[in-house]
Amino acid sequence: MTEILVCAALCPPGQEHQAAWTLLAEVLERELGIENLPETAKGEEGKPFFPQRPDICFNLSHSHGAAVCAVHDKAIGVDMERLRTPPRHLGRGMEPEAFFRLWTAREATVKRRGQGIAALMRGEAPDSLCRCLPDLLPGWVVTVCPSEDAPVRAVRWEDLGGGKQPPEQAERTPV
């Protein structure tokens, strides 16, 4: 897979986790012909991966009625946040979009590296390879952080063709 694929969808609040896993399953089926999600495991800091398929790297994120997945053949991180007023103690003086662009880039970097929340709270700068996808879901900031420079194809669920079931009806995939 030479390009990075990022797929996003809106979903009812409370269904975001399931929607992210449904997006991943649909991307794997449509792009790689994999009909069932491979077995998943978690790294030391909780990042999910496919032990039997090291050639497929993925990351998931969800926020306030939306979900996103990123898939590539190299380590990848993705994060999304709904645009809103930033937390006062973190976003002092920053406009919401600027704050969430920085926050999602930092979180996508940490997620790509497989680090935990402690790394995010250290305030490290985001990786320079991070890319904000401003038009993917209006009202959300979506940022992908690849391991190497590669083309990004960003699609919405409905543009992917919609698949077997809409994200809001997805069954929870255990990790």
N, C-alpha and C. Protein backbone atom coordinates (compact mmCIF):
# COMPACT_ATOMS: atom_id res chain seq x y z
N MET A 1 0.86 -1.17 0.00
CA MET A 1 0.00 0.00 0.00
C MET A 1 0.91 1.23 0.00
N THR A 2 1.00 1.88 -1.13
CA THR A 2 1.90 3.03 -1.23
C THR A 2 1.30 4.30 -0.66
N GLU A 3 -0.02 4.41 -0.70
CA GLU A 3 -0.66 5.60 -0.16
C GLU A 3 -1.23 5.31 1.23
N ILE A 4 -1.43 6.39 1.96
CA ILE A 4 -2.08 6.31 3.26
C ILE A 4 -3.56 6.52 3.00
N LEU A 5 -4.40 5.67 3.54
CA LEU A 5 -5.83 5.84 3.39
C LEU A 5 -6.42 6.24 4.73
N VAL A 6 -7.14 7.35 4.73
CA VAL A 6 -7.83 7.83 5.92
C VAL A 6 -9.32 7.89 5.58
N CYS A 7 -10.13 7.20 6.38
CA CYS A 7 -11.57 7.15 6.15
C CYS A 7 -12.29 7.63 7.41
N ALA A 8 -13.29 8.50 7.22
CA ALA A 8 -14.00 9.09 8.35
C ALA A 8 -15.50 9.00 8.14
N ALA A 9 -16.23 9.02 9.26
CA ALA A 9 -17.68 8.95 9.20
C ALA A 9 -18.30 9.64 10.40
N LEU A 10 -19.48 10.17 10.20
CA LEU A 10 -20.29 10.66 11.30
C LEU A 10 -21.08 9.47 11.84
N CYS A 11 -21.39 9.51 13.12
CA CYS A 11 -22.16 8.44 13.74
C CYS A 11 -22.86 9.00 14.97
N PRO A 12 -23.85 8.28 15.48
CA PRO A 12 -24.51 8.77 16.70
C PRO A 12 -23.54 8.78 17.88
N PRO A 13 -23.66 9.79 18.75
CA PRO A 13 -22.83 9.79 19.96
C PRO A 13 -23.02 8.48 20.73
N GLY A 14 -21.90 7.96 21.22
CA GLY A 14 -21.92 6.69 21.93
C GLY A 14 -21.59 5.51 21.03
N GLN A 15 -21.59 5.70 19.72
CA GLN A 15 -21.29 4.63 18.78
C GLN A 15 -19.94 4.81 18.09
N GLU A 16 -19.15 5.77 18.56
CA GLU A 16 -17.91 6.12 17.87
C GLU A 16 -16.90 4.97 17.82
N HIS A 17 -16.72 4.28 18.93
CA HIS A 17 -15.75 3.18 18.98
C HIS A 17 -16.11 2.10 17.95
N GLN A 18 -17.36 1.71 17.93
CA GLN A 18 -17.80 0.69 16.98
C GLN A 18 -17.67 1.18 15.55
N ALA A 19 -17.98 2.45 15.33
CA ALA A 19 -17.89 3.01 13.98
C ALA A 19 -16.45 2.97 13.47
N ALA A 20 -15.48 3.27 14.33
CA ALA A 20 -14.07 3.25 13.92
C ALA A 20 -13.66 1.85 13.46
N TRP A 21 -14.06 0.83 14.22
CA TRP A 21 -13.72 -0.54 13.84
C TRP A 21 -14.44 -0.97 12.56
N THR A 22 -15.66 -0.49 12.35
CA THR A 22 -16.38 -0.80 11.11
C THR A 22 -15.68 -0.15 9.92
N LEU A 23 -15.25 1.09 10.09
CA LEU A 23 -14.49 1.75 9.02
C LEU A 23 -13.25 0.94 8.66
N LEU A 24 -12.51 0.50 9.67
CA LEU A 24 -11.31 -0.28 9.42
C LEU A 24 -11.64 -1.56 8.67
N ALA A 25 -12.66 -2.27 9.10
CA ALA A 25 -13.04 -3.52 8.42
C ALA A 25 -13.41 -3.25 6.97
N GLU A 26 -14.14 -2.19 6.74
CA GLU A 26 -14.56 -1.86 5.37
C GLU A 26 -13.36 -1.49 4.49
N VAL A 27 -12.45 -0.70 5.02
CA VAL A 27 -11.26 -0.32 4.27
C VAL A 27 -10.43 -1.56 3.92
N LEU A 28 -10.23 -2.44 4.89
CA LEU A 28 -9.45 -3.64 4.62
C LEU A 28 -10.11 -4.52 3.56
N GLU A 29 -11.42 -4.62 3.61
CA GLU A 29 -12.11 -5.43 2.60
C GLU A 29 -12.04 -4.79 1.22
N ARG A 30 -12.36 -3.53 1.14
CA ARG A 30 -12.40 -2.86 -0.17
C ARG A 30 -11.01 -2.65 -0.78
N GLU A 31 -10.04 -2.33 0.04
CA GLU A 31 -8.71 -1.99 -0.48
C GLU A 31 -7.78 -3.18 -0.58
N LEU A 32 -7.91 -4.15 0.35
CA LEU A 32 -6.96 -5.26 0.39
C LEU A 32 -7.62 -6.63 0.22
N GLY A 33 -8.94 -6.66 0.07
CA GLY A 33 -9.63 -7.93 -0.12
C GLY A 33 -9.70 -8.80 1.13
N ILE A 34 -9.50 -8.23 2.29
CA ILE A 34 -9.53 -8.98 3.54
C ILE A 34 -10.96 -8.93 4.08
N GLU A 35 -11.64 -10.08 4.06
CA GLU A 35 -13.06 -10.11 4.42
C GLU A 35 -13.33 -10.04 5.91
N ASN A 36 -12.43 -10.52 6.75
CA ASN A 36 -12.62 -10.47 8.19
C ASN A 36 -11.41 -9.80 8.83
N LEU A 37 -11.69 -9.00 9.85
CA LEU A 37 -10.57 -8.36 10.54
C LEU A 37 -9.61 -9.41 11.08
N PRO A 38 -8.33 -9.23 10.85
CA PRO A 38 -7.35 -10.15 11.46
C PRO A 38 -7.39 -10.03 12.98
N GLU A 39 -6.87 -11.03 13.65
CA GLU A 39 -6.78 -11.01 15.11
C GLU A 39 -5.97 -9.78 15.53
N THR A 40 -6.43 -9.12 16.59
CA THR A 40 -5.72 -7.93 17.07
C THR A 40 -5.06 -8.21 18.41
N ALA A 41 -4.02 -7.45 18.67
CA ALA A 41 -3.33 -7.48 19.96
C ALA A 41 -3.02 -6.03 20.29
N LYS A 42 -2.51 -5.79 21.50
CA LYS A 42 -2.14 -4.44 21.91
C LYS A 42 -0.67 -4.39 22.28
N GLY A 43 -0.03 -3.28 21.88
CA GLY A 43 1.35 -3.04 22.27
C GLY A 43 1.42 -2.65 23.74
N GLU A 44 2.63 -2.42 24.23
CA GLU A 44 2.85 -2.11 25.64
C GLU A 44 2.02 -0.93 26.14
N GLU A 45 1.83 0.07 25.31
CA GLU A 45 1.08 1.26 25.71
C GLU A 45 -0.37 1.22 25.22
N GLY A 46 -0.80 0.08 24.67
CA GLY A 46 -2.20 -0.09 24.30
C GLY A 46 -2.54 0.09 22.84
N LYS A 47 -1.56 0.36 21.98
CA LYS A 47 -1.86 0.55 20.56
C LYS A 47 -2.22 -0.79 19.92
N PRO A 48 -3.40 -0.89 19.27
CA PRO A 48 -3.77 -2.15 18.64
C PRO A 48 -2.98 -2.39 17.35
N PHE A 49 -2.75 -3.66 17.06
CA PHE A 49 -2.07 -4.05 15.83
C PHE A 49 -2.49 -5.47 15.45
N PHE A 50 -2.15 -5.88 14.24
CA PHE A 50 -2.44 -7.21 13.74
C PHE A 50 -1.16 -8.05 13.82
N PRO A 51 -1.00 -8.94 14.81
CA PRO A 51 0.24 -9.71 14.94
C PRO A 51 0.55 -10.58 13.72
N GLN A 52 -0.49 -11.11 13.08
CA GLN A 52 -0.28 -11.99 11.94
C GLN A 52 -0.15 -11.22 10.61
N ARG A 53 -0.36 -9.90 10.66
CA ARG A 53 -0.28 -9.09 9.45
C ARG A 53 0.55 -7.83 9.71
N PRO A 54 1.86 -7.98 9.93
CA PRO A 54 2.70 -6.81 10.18
C PRO A 54 2.80 -5.87 8.98
N ASP A 55 2.32 -6.32 7.82
CA ASP A 55 2.32 -5.48 6.62
C ASP A 55 1.17 -4.47 6.61
N ILE A 56 0.26 -4.59 7.58
CA ILE A 56 -0.87 -3.67 7.67
C ILE A 56 -0.79 -2.92 8.99
N CYS A 57 -0.59 -1.63 8.90
CA CYS A 57 -0.57 -0.78 10.09
C CYS A 57 -1.82 0.09 10.07
N PHE A 58 -2.40 0.31 11.24
CA PHE A 58 -3.62 1.10 11.30
C PHE A 58 -3.67 1.87 12.61
N ASN A 59 -4.55 2.85 12.63
CA ASN A 59 -4.83 3.58 13.85
C ASN A 59 -6.25 4.10 13.76
N LEU A 60 -6.89 4.24 14.91
CA LEU A 60 -8.29 4.65 14.99
C LEU A 60 -8.42 5.85 15.94
N SER A 61 -9.45 6.65 15.69
CA SER A 61 -9.76 7.74 16.60
C SER A 61 -11.26 8.02 16.49
N HIS A 62 -11.80 8.61 17.55
CA HIS A 62 -13.21 9.00 17.53
C HIS A 62 -13.43 10.15 18.48
N SER A 63 -14.44 10.95 18.15
CA SER A 63 -14.71 12.15 18.96
C SER A 63 -16.12 12.65 18.70
N HIS A 64 -16.93 12.74 19.74
CA HIS A 64 -18.21 13.45 19.70
C HIS A 64 -19.05 13.20 18.45
N GLY A 65 -19.34 11.95 18.14
CA GLY A 65 -20.21 11.64 17.01
C GLY A 65 -19.50 11.45 15.68
N ALA A 66 -18.23 11.13 15.71
CA ALA A 66 -17.48 10.88 14.47
C ALA A 66 -16.36 9.88 14.75
N ALA A 67 -15.93 9.21 13.69
CA ALA A 67 -14.86 8.21 13.81
C ALA A 67 -13.97 8.29 12.58
N VAL A 68 -12.72 7.87 12.75
CA VAL A 68 -11.76 7.88 11.64
C VAL A 68 -10.80 6.71 11.81
N CYS A 69 -10.35 6.17 10.67
CA CYS A 69 -9.28 5.16 10.69
C CYS A 69 -8.26 5.55 9.64
N ALA A 70 -7.01 5.19 9.89
CA ALA A 70 -5.92 5.40 8.94
C ALA A 70 -5.23 4.07 8.75
N VAL A 71 -4.91 3.74 7.49
CA VAL A 71 -4.28 2.47 7.15
C VAL A 71 -3.09 2.74 6.24
N HIS A 72 -1.98 2.06 6.51
CA HIS A 72 -0.78 2.17 5.68
C HIS A 72 0.05 0.92 5.92
N ASP A 73 1.15 0.80 5.20
CA ASP A 73 2.03 -0.36 5.43
C ASP A 73 3.17 -0.02 6.39
N LYS A 74 3.19 1.22 6.86
CA LYS A 74 4.17 1.67 7.87
C LYS A 74 3.39 2.21 9.07
N ALA A 75 4.06 2.34 10.21
CA ALA A 75 3.40 2.85 11.42
C ALA A 75 2.69 4.17 11.11
N ILE A 76 1.49 4.30 11.66
CA ILE A 76 0.64 5.44 11.37
C ILE A 76 -0.10 5.85 12.64
N GLY A 77 -0.36 7.13 12.77
CA GLY A 77 -1.19 7.63 13.86
C GLY A 77 -2.24 8.57 13.29
N VAL A 78 -3.40 8.60 13.93
CA VAL A 78 -4.45 9.51 13.49
C VAL A 78 -5.20 9.99 14.74
N ASP A 79 -5.63 11.23 14.69
CA ASP A 79 -6.45 11.74 15.78
C ASP A 79 -7.46 12.71 15.21
N MET A 80 -8.59 12.82 15.92
CA MET A 80 -9.62 13.76 15.52
C MET A 80 -10.25 14.36 16.76
N GLU A 81 -10.69 15.59 16.63
CA GLU A 81 -11.40 16.28 17.69
C GLU A 81 -12.45 17.18 17.06
N ARG A 82 -13.60 17.24 17.69
CA ARG A 82 -14.64 18.17 17.25
C ARG A 82 -14.20 19.57 17.64
N LEU A 83 -14.39 20.51 16.73
CA LEU A 83 -14.05 21.91 17.04
C LEU A 83 -14.99 22.42 18.12
N ARG A 84 -14.42 22.95 19.17
CA ARG A 84 -15.16 23.49 20.30
C ARG A 84 -14.21 24.40 21.08
N THR A 85 -14.68 24.98 22.14
CA THR A 85 -13.82 25.81 22.97
C THR A 85 -12.76 24.92 23.62
N PRO A 86 -11.48 25.26 23.48
CA PRO A 86 -10.43 24.44 24.09
C PRO A 86 -10.50 24.48 25.61
N PRO A 87 -10.01 23.43 26.27
CA PRO A 87 -9.94 23.47 27.74
C PRO A 87 -9.09 24.66 28.17
N ARG A 88 -9.56 25.41 29.16
CA ARG A 88 -8.86 26.63 29.58
C ARG A 88 -7.43 26.37 30.01
N HIS A 89 -7.21 25.30 30.75
CA HIS A 89 -5.86 25.05 31.26
C HIS A 89 -4.88 24.60 30.18
N LEU A 90 -5.37 24.19 29.01
CA LEU A 90 -4.48 23.76 27.94
C LEU A 90 -4.40 24.77 26.80
N GLY A 91 -5.50 25.43 26.51
CA GLY A 91 -5.55 26.27 25.32
C GLY A 91 -5.55 27.76 25.59
N ARG A 92 -4.86 28.17 26.62
CA ARG A 92 -4.84 29.60 26.99
C ARG A 92 -4.53 30.48 25.79
N GLY A 93 -5.50 31.32 25.45
CA GLY A 93 -5.28 32.31 24.41
C GLY A 93 -5.30 31.79 22.99
N MET A 94 -5.53 30.51 22.79
CA MET A 94 -5.51 29.96 21.43
C MET A 94 -6.93 29.90 20.87
N GLU A 95 -7.04 30.15 19.59
CA GLU A 95 -8.31 29.96 18.89
C GLU A 95 -8.57 28.46 18.81
N PRO A 96 -9.86 28.05 18.80
CA PRO A 96 -10.17 26.62 18.79
C PRO A 96 -9.49 25.84 17.67
N GLU A 97 -9.53 26.33 16.44
CA GLU A 97 -8.93 25.56 15.35
C GLU A 97 -7.42 25.41 15.51
N ALA A 98 -6.74 26.47 15.91
CA ALA A 98 -5.29 26.39 16.13
C ALA A 98 -4.97 25.41 17.25
N PHE A 99 -5.73 25.49 18.35
CA PHE A 99 -5.49 24.56 19.46
C PHE A 99 -5.68 23.12 19.01
N PHE A 100 -6.79 22.81 18.35
CA PHE A 100 -7.06 21.41 17.99
C PHE A 100 -6.19 20.91 16.86
N ARG A 101 -5.69 21.78 16.01
CA ARG A 101 -4.69 21.36 15.02
C ARG A 101 -3.41 20.91 15.73
N LEU A 102 -2.98 21.71 16.70
CA LEU A 102 -1.78 21.35 17.46
C LEU A 102 -2.03 20.08 18.28
N TRP A 103 -3.15 20.04 18.99
CA TRP A 103 -3.46 18.88 19.85
C TRP A 103 -3.54 17.59 19.04
N THR A 104 -4.27 17.59 17.92
CA THR A 104 -4.41 16.36 17.13
C THR A 104 -3.08 15.95 16.50
N ALA A 105 -2.25 16.91 16.13
CA ALA A 105 -0.93 16.57 15.58
C ALA A 105 -0.05 15.93 16.65
N ARG A 106 -0.11 16.48 17.85
CA ARG A 106 0.67 15.89 18.96
C ARG A 106 0.16 14.49 19.28
N GLU A 107 -1.16 14.35 19.36
CA GLU A 107 -1.72 13.04 19.70
C GLU A 107 -1.47 12.01 18.59
N ALA A 108 -1.60 12.41 17.33
CA ALA A 108 -1.33 11.49 16.22
C ALA A 108 0.13 11.04 16.24
N THR A 109 1.04 11.95 16.59
CA THR A 109 2.46 11.60 16.70
C THR A 109 2.67 10.56 17.79
N VAL A 110 2.10 10.80 18.96
CA VAL A 110 2.22 9.87 20.09
C VAL A 110 1.61 8.51 19.73
N LYS A 111 0.47 8.52 19.08
CA LYS A 111 -0.20 7.27 18.71
C LYS A 111 0.62 6.50 17.67
N ARG A 112 1.20 7.21 16.71
CA ARG A 112 2.04 6.53 15.72
C ARG A 112 3.21 5.81 16.39
N ARG A 113 3.78 6.45 17.38
CA ARG A 113 4.92 5.87 18.09
C ARG A 113 4.51 4.77 19.07
N GLY A 114 3.20 4.64 19.30
CA GLY A 114 2.71 3.63 20.24
C GLY A 114 2.94 4.01 21.69
N GLN A 115 3.04 5.32 21.95
CA GLN A 115 3.27 5.80 23.30
C GLN A 115 1.93 6.07 23.99
N GLY A 116 1.95 6.19 25.28
CA GLY A 116 0.74 6.43 26.05
C GLY A 116 0.48 7.90 26.30
N ILE A 117 -0.54 8.14 27.11
CA ILE A 117 -0.97 9.50 27.43
C ILE A 117 0.12 10.31 28.13
N ALA A 118 0.99 9.65 28.86
CA ALA A 118 2.07 10.36 29.56
C ALA A 118 2.95 11.11 28.55
N ALA A 119 3.21 10.50 27.39
CA ALA A 119 4.01 11.16 26.37
C ALA A 119 3.29 12.39 25.83
N LEU A 120 1.99 12.31 25.70
CA LEU A 120 1.22 13.45 25.22
C LEU A 120 1.29 14.60 26.22
N MET A 121 1.22 14.29 27.48
CA MET A 121 1.21 15.33 28.51
C MET A 121 2.57 15.99 28.70
N ARG A 122 3.64 15.38 28.17
CA ARG A 122 4.97 16.01 28.26
C ARG A 122 5.07 17.23 27.35
N GLY A 123 4.14 17.37 26.42
CA GLY A 123 4.12 18.56 25.58
C GLY A 123 5.12 18.56 24.45
N GLU A 124 5.54 17.39 24.00
CA GLU A 124 6.49 17.33 22.89
C GLU A 124 5.88 17.91 21.62
N ALA A 125 6.72 18.42 20.77
CA ALA A 125 6.26 18.97 19.49
C ALA A 125 5.78 17.83 18.59
N PRO A 126 4.79 18.10 17.74
CA PRO A 126 4.34 17.07 16.80
C PRO A 126 5.39 16.80 15.74
N ASP A 127 5.33 15.62 15.17
CA ASP A 127 6.22 15.24 14.07
C ASP A 127 5.94 16.14 12.87
N SER A 128 6.97 16.50 12.14
CA SER A 128 6.81 17.38 10.98
C SER A 128 6.06 16.70 9.83
N LEU A 129 5.92 15.38 9.86
CA LEU A 129 5.18 14.67 8.81
C LEU A 129 3.66 14.71 9.02
N CYS A 130 3.20 15.19 10.16
CA CYS A 130 1.76 15.26 10.42
C CYS A 130 1.08 16.15 9.39
N ARG A 131 -0.12 15.71 8.99
CA ARG A 131 -0.91 16.48 8.03
C ARG A 131 -2.34 16.61 8.51
N CYS A 132 -2.80 17.83 8.58
CA CYS A 132 -4.20 18.09 8.93
C CYS A 132 -5.03 17.91 7.65
N LEU A 133 -6.19 17.28 7.80
CA LEU A 133 -7.09 17.04 6.67
C LEU A 133 -8.35 17.89 6.91
N PRO A 134 -8.27 19.19 6.62
CA PRO A 134 -9.31 20.13 7.06
C PRO A 134 -10.69 19.93 6.46
N ASP A 135 -10.79 19.33 5.31
CA ASP A 135 -12.09 19.20 4.65
C ASP A 135 -12.70 17.81 4.78
N LEU A 136 -12.05 16.92 5.50
CA LEU A 136 -12.55 15.55 5.57
C LEU A 136 -13.91 15.50 6.26
N LEU A 137 -14.02 16.08 7.44
CA LEU A 137 -15.31 16.17 8.14
C LEU A 137 -15.46 17.60 8.67
N PRO A 138 -16.30 18.40 8.04
CA PRO A 138 -16.50 19.77 8.53
C PRO A 138 -16.93 19.77 10.00
N GLY A 139 -16.28 20.63 10.79
CA GLY A 139 -16.58 20.71 12.21
C GLY A 139 -15.64 19.88 13.07
N TRP A 140 -14.78 19.08 12.45
CA TRP A 140 -13.79 18.28 13.16
C TRP A 140 -12.41 18.60 12.60
N VAL A 141 -11.41 18.46 13.43
CA VAL A 141 -10.02 18.54 12.99
C VAL A 141 -9.49 17.12 12.97
N VAL A 142 -9.04 16.68 11.79
CA VAL A 142 -8.50 15.33 11.62
C VAL A 142 -7.05 15.48 11.18
N THR A 143 -6.15 14.81 11.89
CA THR A 143 -4.72 14.86 11.56
C THR A 143 -4.17 13.46 11.49
N VAL A 144 -3.40 13.20 10.44
CA VAL A 144 -2.74 11.91 10.27
C VAL A 144 -1.24 12.13 10.40
N CYS A 145 -0.55 11.17 11.04
CA CYS A 145 0.89 11.27 11.22
C CYS A 145 1.55 9.99 10.71
N PRO A 146 2.08 10.03 9.49
CA PRO A 146 2.75 8.85 8.94
C PRO A 146 4.19 8.73 9.41
N SER A 147 4.78 7.59 9.15
CA SER A 147 6.19 7.35 9.47
C SER A 147 7.11 7.90 8.39
N GLU A 148 6.56 8.04 7.20
CA GLU A 148 7.33 8.56 6.08
C GLU A 148 6.39 9.34 5.18
N ASP A 149 6.97 10.21 4.37
CA ASP A 149 6.17 11.00 3.46
C ASP A 149 5.53 10.08 2.43
N ALA A 150 4.23 10.15 2.29
CA ALA A 150 3.50 9.34 1.33
C ALA A 150 2.21 10.07 0.98
N PRO A 151 1.66 9.79 -0.20
CA PRO A 151 0.39 10.43 -0.55
C PRO A 151 -0.72 9.98 0.40
N VAL A 152 -1.64 10.89 0.68
CA VAL A 152 -2.78 10.60 1.55
C VAL A 152 -4.06 10.66 0.72
N ARG A 153 -4.86 9.60 0.81
CA ARG A 153 -6.19 9.61 0.22
C ARG A 153 -7.18 9.64 1.37
N ALA A 154 -7.92 10.74 1.48
CA ALA A 154 -8.88 10.92 2.56
C ALA A 154 -10.28 10.80 1.98
N VAL A 155 -11.09 9.90 2.55
CA VAL A 155 -12.44 9.67 2.04
C VAL A 155 -13.43 9.62 3.19
N ARG A 156 -14.64 10.01 2.90
CA ARG A 156 -15.74 9.86 3.85
C ARG A 156 -16.38 8.50 3.61
N TRP A 157 -17.01 7.97 4.66
CA TRP A 157 -17.68 6.67 4.59
C TRP A 157 -18.58 6.59 3.35
N GLU A 158 -19.41 7.59 3.15
CA GLU A 158 -20.36 7.53 2.04
C GLU A 158 -19.66 7.53 0.69
N ASP A 159 -18.46 8.13 0.59
CA ASP A 159 -17.71 8.14 -0.67
C ASP A 159 -16.97 6.82 -0.89
N LEU A 160 -16.79 6.07 0.19
CA LEU A 160 -16.15 4.76 0.08
C LEU A 160 -17.14 3.75 -0.50
N GLY A 161 -18.40 4.06 -0.45
CA GLY A 161 -19.41 3.17 -0.99
C GLY A 161 -20.29 2.57 0.09
N GLY A 162 -19.99 2.91 1.33
CA GLY A 162 -20.90 2.51 2.39
C GLY A 162 -20.84 1.09 2.86
N GLY A 163 -20.49 0.10 2.20
CA GLY A 163 -20.30 -1.22 2.78
C GLY A 163 -21.49 -1.92 3.37
N LYS A 164 -21.21 -2.95 4.13
CA LYS A 164 -22.21 -3.87 4.66
C LYS A 164 -23.19 -3.23 5.61
N GLN A 165 -22.73 -2.41 6.51
CA GLN A 165 -23.61 -1.77 7.48
C GLN A 165 -23.07 -0.39 7.80
N PRO A 166 -23.96 0.54 8.05
CA PRO A 166 -23.47 1.88 8.39
C PRO A 166 -22.74 1.84 9.72
N PRO A 167 -21.82 2.78 9.95
CA PRO A 167 -21.02 2.76 11.18
C PRO A 167 -21.85 2.73 12.45
N GLU A 168 -23.01 3.36 12.47
CA GLU A 168 -23.77 3.41 13.71
C GLU A 168 -24.33 2.06 14.12
N GLN A 169 -24.31 1.05 13.22
CA GLN A 169 -24.84 -0.26 13.55
C GLN A 169 -23.73 -1.30 13.73
N ALA A 170 -22.50 -0.85 13.77
CA ALA A 170 -21.38 -1.77 13.86
C ALA A 170 -21.37 -2.52 15.18
N GLU A 171 -20.94 -3.75 15.13
CA GLU A 171 -20.75 -4.51 16.36
C GLU A 171 -19.38 -4.18 16.92
N ARG A 172 -19.25 -4.19 18.21
CA ARG A 172 -17.97 -3.89 18.84
C ARG A 172 -16.98 -5.00 18.54
N THR A 173 -15.80 -4.60 18.13
CA THR A 173 -14.75 -5.55 17.86
C THR A 173 -13.83 -5.60 19.08
N PRO A 174 -13.74 -6.75 19.74
CA PRO A 174 -12.86 -6.83 20.92
C PRO A 174 -11.40 -6.71 20.54
N VAL A 175 -10.64 -6.07 21.38
CA VAL A 175 -9.19 -5.96 21.18
C VAL A 175 -8.50 -6.57 22.34
